């Protein structure tokens, strides 16, 4: 079954170029020129990934990303932001809003497709570890869900992959660069600060159950997941 990619871009020429590249990569493009059209498209068919332009008429891409992360239907759909904004603070704002990756314009079709495939790989990767239970937190790999006791923990797709890696490699310290290699993939350029943003988001998701302390900072070394206080 082809992966469905929702392209939210108000410039028709860019949207058509991206759609052509997506179709050529054997994926199904869905078009939307603004947030409202995107919402209607999602209601009709939930996509596997959203390509979201930062500068949209009406609701901005950043605002729309925040809305998608708040809604039950869309909170786990991976988002790649298409942006002309290359400043680090803009990228961090995007990550904080729930974006999984970003591609700075102008970009090549080859780069864009590589980013899409990398994100889909890490979101829908192998979950062969089955059910893992550490420190009161349970990760059900086949179901792609996380539980604290009987409650389901709502986390974004990148946080899920980060937690999956941590829980399948507990008690070991990993540097930011090692986490980037294992979770994001060594062939994708992502800044090390990105790891800190997703660690904060993961801890925030676990905080209501006081399980955020499972993700430990090891000063000068990196991060460790540990069920031992």
C-alpha atoms as a PDB file:
ATOM      1  CA  UNK A   1       0.000   0.000   0.000  1.00  0.00           C
ATOM      2  CA  UNK A   2       1.373   3.402  -0.996  1.00  0.00           C
ATOM      3  CA  UNK A   3       2.224   5.885   1.750  1.00  0.00           C
ATOM      4  CA  UNK A   4      -0.055   8.929   1.594  1.00  0.00           C
ATOM      5  CA  UNK A   5       1.776  12.263   1.819  1.00  0.00           C
ATOM      6  CA  UNK A   6      -0.264  15.417   2.488  1.00  0.00           C
ATOM      7  CA  UNK A   7       1.419  18.473   0.920  1.00  0.00           C
ATOM      8  CA  UNK A   8       0.276  21.719   2.567  1.00  0.00           C
ATOM      9  CA  UNK A   9       1.775  24.479   0.410  1.00  0.00           C
ATOM     10  CA  UNK A  10       0.105  27.648  -0.936  1.00  0.00           C
ATOM     11  CA  UNK A  11       2.451  28.095  -3.921  1.00  0.00           C
ATOM     12  CA  UNK A  12       1.020  25.891  -6.664  1.00  0.00           C
ATOM     13  CA  UNK A  13       4.360  25.530  -8.512  1.00  0.00           C
ATOM     14  CA  UNK A  14       6.140  24.217  -5.398  1.00  0.00           C
ATOM     15  CA  UNK A  15       3.176  22.018  -4.490  1.00  0.00           C
ATOM     16  CA  UNK A  16       3.141  20.486  -7.973  1.00  0.00           C
ATOM     17  CA  UNK A  17       6.920  19.953  -7.949  1.00  0.00           C
ATOM     18  CA  UNK A  18       6.744  18.223  -4.556  1.00  0.00           C
ATOM     19  CA  UNK A  19       3.734  16.141  -5.632  1.00  0.00           C
ATOM     20  CA  UNK A  20       5.594  15.007  -8.767  1.00  0.00           C
ATOM     21  CA  UNK A  21       8.616  13.941  -6.666  1.00  0.00           C
ATOM     22  CA  UNK A  22       6.382  12.133  -4.156  1.00  0.00           C
ATOM     23  CA  UNK A  23       4.504  10.305  -6.928  1.00  0.00           C
ATOM     24  CA  UNK A  24       7.778   9.356  -8.648  1.00  0.00           C
ATOM     25  CA  UNK A  25       8.957   7.874  -5.320  1.00  0.00           C
ATOM     26  CA  UNK A  26       5.919   5.564  -5.396  1.00  0.00           C
ATOM     27  CA  UNK A  27       3.962   7.465  -2.757  1.00  0.00           C
ATOM     28  CA  UNK A  28       0.531   9.086  -3.059  1.00  0.00           C
ATOM     29  CA  UNK A  29       0.463  12.914  -2.915  1.00  0.00           C
ATOM     30  CA  UNK A  30      -2.544  14.746  -1.453  1.00  0.00           C
ATOM     31  CA  UNK A  31      -2.819  18.487  -2.187  1.00  0.00           C
ATOM     32  CA  UNK A  32      -3.842  21.310   0.162  1.00  0.00           C
ATOM     33  CA  UNK A  33      -3.195  25.039  -0.327  1.00  0.00           C
ATOM     34  CA  UNK A  34      -3.821  26.100   3.285  1.00  0.00           C
ATOM     35  CA  UNK A  35      -4.613  24.801   6.783  1.00  0.00           C
ATOM     36  CA  UNK A  36      -8.366  24.703   6.145  1.00  0.00           C
ATOM     37  CA  UNK A  37      -7.971  22.596   2.999  1.00  0.00           C
ATOM     38  CA  UNK A  38      -5.504  20.362   4.868  1.00  0.00           C
ATOM     39  CA  UNK A  39      -8.024  19.804   7.687  1.00  0.00           C
ATOM     40  CA  UNK A  40     -10.659  18.732   5.144  1.00  0.00           C
ATOM     41  CA  UNK A  41      -8.163  16.403   3.421  1.00  0.00           C
ATOM     42  CA  UNK A  42      -7.238  14.801   6.761  1.00  0.00           C
ATOM     43  CA  UNK A  43     -10.916  14.283   7.619  1.00  0.00           C
ATOM     44  CA  UNK A  44     -11.294  12.461   4.301  1.00  0.00           C
ATOM     45  CA  UNK A  45      -8.076  10.413   4.439  1.00  0.00           C
ATOM     46  CA  UNK A  46      -5.562  10.363   7.302  1.00  0.00           C
ATOM     47  CA  UNK A  47      -2.108  10.698   5.705  1.00  0.00           C
ATOM     48  CA  UNK A  48       1.034   8.798   6.696  1.00  0.00           C
ATOM     49  CA  UNK A  49       3.086  12.024   6.736  1.00  0.00           C
ATOM     50  CA  UNK A  50       2.465  15.759   6.352  1.00  0.00           C
ATOM     51  CA  UNK A  51       4.734  18.155   4.446  1.00  0.00           C
ATOM     52  CA  UNK A  52       3.837  21.542   5.910  1.00  0.00           C
ATOM     53  CA  UNK A  53       4.910  24.950   4.624  1.00  0.00           C
ATOM     54  CA  UNK A  54       5.882  27.416   7.369  1.00  0.00           C
ATOM     55  CA  UNK A  55       4.379  30.481   5.631  1.00  0.00           C
ATOM     56  CA  UNK A  56       0.725  29.758   4.881  1.00  0.00           C
ATOM     57  CA  UNK A  57      -2.107  32.258   4.352  1.00  0.00           C
ATOM     58  CA  UNK A  58      -4.387  32.572   7.384  1.00  0.00           C
ATOM     59  CA  UNK A  59      -3.215  29.985   9.912  1.00  0.00           C
ATOM     60  CA  UNK A  60       0.586  29.677   9.786  1.00  0.00           C
ATOM     61  CA  UNK A  61       2.306  26.327   9.418  1.00  0.00           C
ATOM     62  CA  UNK A  62       3.623  26.631  12.973  1.00  0.00           C
ATOM     63  CA  UNK A  63       0.147  27.264  14.410  1.00  0.00           C
ATOM     64  CA  UNK A  64      -1.287  24.416  12.338  1.00  0.00           C
ATOM     65  CA  UNK A  65       1.443  22.017  13.557  1.00  0.00           C
ATOM     66  CA  UNK A  66       0.524  22.863  17.168  1.00  0.00           C
ATOM     67  CA  UNK A  67      -3.159  22.220  16.396  1.00  0.00           C
ATOM     68  CA  UNK A  68      -2.364  18.874  14.760  1.00  0.00           C
ATOM     69  CA  UNK A  69      -0.427  17.786  17.836  1.00  0.00           C
ATOM     70  CA  UNK A  70      -3.349  18.666  20.120  1.00  0.00           C
ATOM     71  CA  UNK A  71      -5.946  16.634  18.202  1.00  0.00           C
ATOM     72  CA  UNK A  72      -6.452  12.911  18.779  1.00  0.00           C
ATOM     73  CA  UNK A  73      -6.686  12.018  15.091  1.00  0.00           C
ATOM     74  CA  UNK A  74      -3.467  13.742  14.049  1.00  0.00           C
ATOM     75  CA  UNK A  75      -1.151  13.856  17.065  1.00  0.00           C
ATOM     76  CA  UNK A  76       0.908  10.871  15.909  1.00  0.00           C
ATOM     77  CA  UNK A  77       1.232  11.818  12.224  1.00  0.00           C
ATOM     78  CA  UNK A  78       4.858  12.767  11.452  1.00  0.00           C
ATOM     79  CA  UNK A  79       5.343  16.328  10.156  1.00  0.00           C
ATOM     80  CA  UNK A  80       8.164  17.729   8.021  1.00  0.00           C
ATOM     81  CA  UNK A  81       8.213  21.531   7.836  1.00  0.00           C
ATOM     82  CA  UNK A  82       9.091  23.178   4.518  1.00  0.00           C
ATOM     83  CA  UNK A  83      10.641  26.516   5.335  1.00  0.00           C
ATOM     84  CA  UNK A  84      12.750  29.333   3.984  1.00  0.00           C
ATOM     85  CA  UNK A  85      13.642  30.149   7.586  1.00  0.00           C
ATOM     86  CA  UNK A  86      17.087  28.754   8.271  1.00  0.00           C
ATOM     87  CA  UNK A  87      17.753  30.407  11.624  1.00  0.00           C
ATOM     88  CA  UNK A  88      18.381  28.011  14.502  1.00  0.00           C
ATOM     89  CA  UNK A  89      15.711  29.579  16.740  1.00  0.00           C
ATOM     90  CA  UNK A  90      13.083  29.127  14.016  1.00  0.00           C
ATOM     91  CA  UNK A  91      14.018  25.470  13.702  1.00  0.00           C
ATOM     92  CA  UNK A  92      13.837  24.992  17.471  1.00  0.00           C
ATOM     93  CA  UNK A  93      10.394  26.675  17.511  1.00  0.00           C
ATOM     94  CA  UNK A  94       9.265  24.219  14.862  1.00  0.00           C
ATOM     95  CA  UNK A  95      10.548  21.240  16.851  1.00  0.00           C
ATOM     96  CA  UNK A  96       8.906  22.561  20.010  1.00  0.00           C
ATOM     97  CA  UNK A  97       5.603  22.781  18.098  1.00  0.00           C
ATOM     98  CA  UNK A  98       5.826  19.065  17.353  1.00  0.00           C
ATOM     99  CA  UNK A  99       7.549  19.001  13.954  1.00  0.00           C
ATOM    100  CA  UNK A 100       9.710  15.906  13.370  1.00  0.00           C
ATOM    101  CA  UNK A 101      12.053  17.328  10.747  1.00  0.00           C
ATOM    102  CA  UNK A 102      12.448  20.356   8.500  1.00  0.00           C
ATOM    103  CA  UNK A 103      13.711  21.015   4.980  1.00  0.00           C
ATOM    104  CA  UNK A 104      14.995  24.502   4.150  1.00  0.00           C
ATOM    105  CA  UNK A 105      14.033  26.001   0.770  1.00  0.00           C
ATOM    106  CA  UNK A 106      15.338  25.813  -1.852  1.00  0.00           C
ATOM    107  CA  UNK A 107      15.640  22.032  -1.665  1.00  0.00           C
ATOM    108  CA  UNK A 108      16.125  19.290  -4.229  1.00  0.00           C
ATOM    109  CA  UNK A 109      13.529  16.595  -4.846  1.00  0.00           C
ATOM    110  CA  UNK A 110      16.168  14.001  -3.921  1.00  0.00           C
ATOM    111  CA  UNK A 111      16.810  15.602  -0.521  1.00  0.00           C
ATOM    112  CA  UNK A 112      13.090  15.914   0.218  1.00  0.00           C
ATOM    113  CA  UNK A 113      12.338  12.276  -0.637  1.00  0.00           C
ATOM    114  CA  UNK A 114      15.353  11.144   1.449  1.00  0.00           C
ATOM    115  CA  UNK A 115      13.979  13.093   4.448  1.00  0.00           C
ATOM    116  CA  UNK A 116      10.478  11.668   3.966  1.00  0.00           C
ATOM    117  CA  UNK A 117      11.795   8.103   3.802  1.00  0.00           C
ATOM    118  CA  UNK A 118      14.059   8.625   6.829  1.00  0.00           C
ATOM    119  CA  UNK A 119      11.172   9.952   8.953  1.00  0.00           C
ATOM    120  CA  UNK A 120       8.817   7.159   7.840  1.00  0.00           C
ATOM    121  CA  UNK A 121      11.536   4.586   8.584  1.00  0.00           C
ATOM    122  CA  UNK A 122      12.078   5.767  12.128  1.00  0.00           C
ATOM    123  CA  UNK A 123       8.355   6.217  12.825  1.00  0.00           C
ATOM    124  CA  UNK A 124       7.213   2.906  11.324  1.00  0.00           C
ATOM    125  CA  UNK A 125      10.397   0.931  11.972  1.00  0.00           C
ATOM    126  CA  UNK A 126      10.637  -2.592  13.298  1.00  0.00           C
ATOM    127  CA  UNK A 127       8.888  -3.158  16.613  1.00  0.00           C
ATOM    128  CA  UNK A 128      10.207  -6.653  17.106  1.00  0.00           C
ATOM    129  CA  UNK A 129      10.912  -6.154  20.801  1.00  0.00           C
ATOM    130  CA  UNK A 130       7.270  -6.872  21.715  1.00  0.00           C
ATOM    131  CA  UNK A 131       6.155  -5.547  25.105  1.00  0.00           C
ATOM    132  CA  UNK A 132       8.776  -3.895  27.335  1.00  0.00           C
ATOM    133  CA  UNK A 133       8.048  -2.939  30.957  1.00  0.00           C
ATOM    134  CA  UNK A 134      10.509  -0.765  32.882  1.00  0.00           C
ATOM    135  CA  UNK A 135       9.939   1.361  35.974  1.00  0.00           C
ATOM    136  CA  UNK A 136       6.146   1.399  35.660  1.00  0.00           C
ATOM    137  CA  UNK A 137       6.251   2.331  31.975  1.00  0.00           C
ATOM    138  CA  UNK A 138       5.088  -0.211  29.385  1.00  0.00           C
ATOM    139  CA  UNK A 139       5.832  -0.005  25.677  1.00  0.00           C
ATOM    140  CA  UNK A 140       3.731  -2.237  23.436  1.00  0.00           C
ATOM    141  CA  UNK A 141       5.800  -2.456  20.248  1.00  0.00           C
ATOM    142  CA  UNK A 142       3.331  -4.315  17.995  1.00  0.00           C
ATOM    143  CA  UNK A 143       0.506  -1.939  19.003  1.00  0.00           C
ATOM    144  CA  UNK A 144       2.812   1.108  18.810  1.00  0.00           C
ATOM    145  CA  UNK A 145       1.522   2.373  22.174  1.00  0.00           C
ATOM    146  CA  UNK A 146       2.926   3.408  25.541  1.00  0.00           C
ATOM    147  CA  UNK A 147       1.214   2.940  28.915  1.00  0.00           C
ATOM    148  CA  UNK A 148       1.766   4.210  32.462  1.00  0.00           C
ATOM    149  CA  UNK A 149      -0.159   1.698  34.515  1.00  0.00           C
ATOM    150  CA  UNK A 150      -3.508   1.398  32.707  1.00  0.00           C
ATOM    151  CA  UNK A 151      -3.294   4.889  31.185  1.00  0.00           C
ATOM    152  CA  UNK A 152      -2.118   5.399  27.628  1.00  0.00           C
ATOM    153  CA  UNK A 153       0.681   7.956  27.339  1.00  0.00           C
ATOM    154  CA  UNK A 154       0.198  10.309  24.406  1.00  0.00           C
ATOM    155  CA  UNK A 155       3.512  11.054  22.716  1.00  0.00           C
ATOM    156  CA  UNK A 156       4.577  12.228  19.278  1.00  0.00           C
ATOM    157  CA  UNK A 157       6.114   9.853  16.723  1.00  0.00           C
ATOM    158  CA  UNK A 158       9.728  10.940  17.225  1.00  0.00           C
ATOM    159  CA  UNK A 159       9.365  10.755  21.017  1.00  0.00           C
ATOM    160  CA  UNK A 160       8.012   7.223  20.556  1.00  0.00           C
ATOM    161  CA  UNK A 161      11.078   6.173  18.567  1.00  0.00           C
ATOM    162  CA  UNK A 162      13.369   7.810  21.126  1.00  0.00           C
ATOM    163  CA  UNK A 163      11.582   6.030  23.985  1.00  0.00           C
ATOM    164  CA  UNK A 164      11.621   2.759  22.045  1.00  0.00           C
ATOM    165  CA  UNK A 165      15.383   3.013  21.646  1.00  0.00           C
ATOM    166  CA  UNK A 166      15.870   3.926  25.319  1.00  0.00           C
ATOM    167  CA  UNK A 167      13.680   1.076  26.590  1.00  0.00           C
ATOM    168  CA  UNK A 168      15.400  -1.484  24.348  1.00  0.00           C
ATOM    169  CA  UNK A 169      18.798  -0.184  25.571  1.00  0.00           C
ATOM    170  CA  UNK A 170      18.252   0.650  29.267  1.00  0.00           C
ATOM    171  CA  UNK A 171      20.923   1.641  31.801  1.00  0.00           C
ATOM    172  CA  UNK A 172      23.407   2.691  29.116  1.00  0.00           C
ATOM    173  CA  UNK A 173      24.570   6.256  28.580  1.00  0.00           C
ATOM    174  CA  UNK A 174      24.271   7.606  25.047  1.00  0.00           C
ATOM    175  CA  UNK A 175      25.710  10.872  23.796  1.00  0.00           C
ATOM    176  CA  UNK A 176      23.588  13.195  21.667  1.00  0.00           C
ATOM    177  CA  UNK A 177      25.477  12.170  18.524  1.00  0.00           C
ATOM    178  CA  UNK A 178      24.908   8.467  19.299  1.00  0.00           C
ATOM    179  CA  UNK A 179      21.179   9.088  19.799  1.00  0.00           C
ATOM    180  CA  UNK A 180      21.062  10.969  16.498  1.00  0.00           C
ATOM    181  CA  UNK A 181      22.685   7.996  14.730  1.00  0.00           C
ATOM    182  CA  UNK A 182      20.402   5.398  16.326  1.00  0.00           C
ATOM    183  CA  UNK A 183      17.076   7.252  16.360  1.00  0.00           C
ATOM    184  CA  UNK A 184      17.321   9.716  13.478  1.00  0.00           C
ATOM    185  CA  UNK A 185      19.700   7.747  11.269  1.00  0.00           C
ATOM    186  CA  UNK A 186      23.326   8.501  10.467  1.00  0.00           C
ATOM    187  CA  UNK A 187      22.591   9.639   6.890  1.00  0.00           C
ATOM    188  CA  UNK A 188      20.299  12.531   7.937  1.00  0.00           C
ATOM    189  CA  UNK A 189      21.719  15.856   9.056  1.00  0.00           C
ATOM    190  CA  UNK A 190      20.067  16.953  12.308  1.00  0.00           C
ATOM    191  CA  UNK A 191      21.677  19.228  14.891  1.00  0.00           C
ATOM    192  CA  UNK A 192      22.535  17.782  18.301  1.00  0.00           C
ATOM    193  CA  UNK A 193      20.308  20.393  19.967  1.00  0.00           C
ATOM    194  CA  UNK A 194      17.368  18.590  18.346  1.00  0.00           C
ATOM    195  CA  UNK A 195      17.933  15.709  20.786  1.00  0.00           C
ATOM    196  CA  UNK A 196      17.492  18.043  23.776  1.00  0.00           C
ATOM    197  CA  UNK A 197      14.194  19.344  22.374  1.00  0.00           C
ATOM    198  CA  UNK A 198      12.769  15.832  21.971  1.00  0.00           C
ATOM    199  CA  UNK A 199      14.079  14.751  25.389  1.00  0.00           C
ATOM    200  CA  UNK A 200      12.156  17.685  26.921  1.00  0.00           C
ATOM    201  CA  UNK A 201       9.015  16.696  25.030  1.00  0.00           C
ATOM    202  CA  UNK A 202       9.376  13.061  26.110  1.00  0.00           C
ATOM    203  CA  UNK A 203       9.810  14.047  29.765  1.00  0.00           C
ATOM    204  CA  UNK A 204       6.804  16.379  29.566  1.00  0.00           C
ATOM    205  CA  UNK A 205       4.676  13.498  28.239  1.00  0.00           C
ATOM    206  CA  UNK A 206       5.768  11.258  31.147  1.00  0.00           C
ATOM    207  CA  UNK A 207       5.475  13.971  33.812  1.00  0.00           C
ATOM    208  CA  UNK A 208       1.769  13.436  34.746  1.00  0.00           C
ATOM    209  CA  UNK A 209       2.699   9.974  36.055  1.00  0.00           C
ATOM    210  CA  UNK A 210       5.956  11.195  37.644  1.00  0.00           C
ATOM    211  CA  UNK A 211       7.902   8.984  35.254  1.00  0.00           C
ATOM    212  CA  UNK A 212       9.941  11.781  33.676  1.00  0.00           C
ATOM    213  CA  UNK A 213      12.844  10.861  35.997  1.00  0.00           C
ATOM    214  CA  UNK A 214      13.279   7.620  34.020  1.00  0.00           C
ATOM    215  CA  UNK A 215      15.045   9.717  31.376  1.00  0.00           C
ATOM    216  CA  UNK A 216      18.203  10.818  33.142  1.00  0.00           C
ATOM    217  CA  UNK A 217      20.736  13.458  32.169  1.00  0.00           C
ATOM    218  CA  UNK A 218      24.321  12.347  32.672  1.00  0.00           C
ATOM    219  CA  UNK A 219      26.291  15.575  32.924  1.00  0.00           C
ATOM    220  CA  UNK A 220      28.994  15.874  30.283  1.00  0.00           C
ATOM    221  CA  UNK A 221      28.064  12.533  28.716  1.00  0.00           C
ATOM    222  CA  UNK A 222      24.475  12.464  27.442  1.00  0.00           C
ATOM    223  CA  UNK A 223      21.315  10.636  28.477  1.00  0.00           C
ATOM    224  CA  UNK A 224      20.376   7.319  30.058  1.00  0.00           C
ATOM    225  CA  UNK A 225      17.055   5.524  30.544  1.00  0.00           C
ATOM    226  CA  UNK A 226      16.921   3.821  33.919  1.00  0.00           C
ATOM    227  CA  UNK A 227      14.225   2.200  36.057  1.00  0.00           C
ATOM    228  CA  UNK A 228      16.489   2.613  39.094  1.00  0.00           C
ATOM    229  CA  UNK A 229      16.099   5.828  41.070  1.00  0.00           C
END
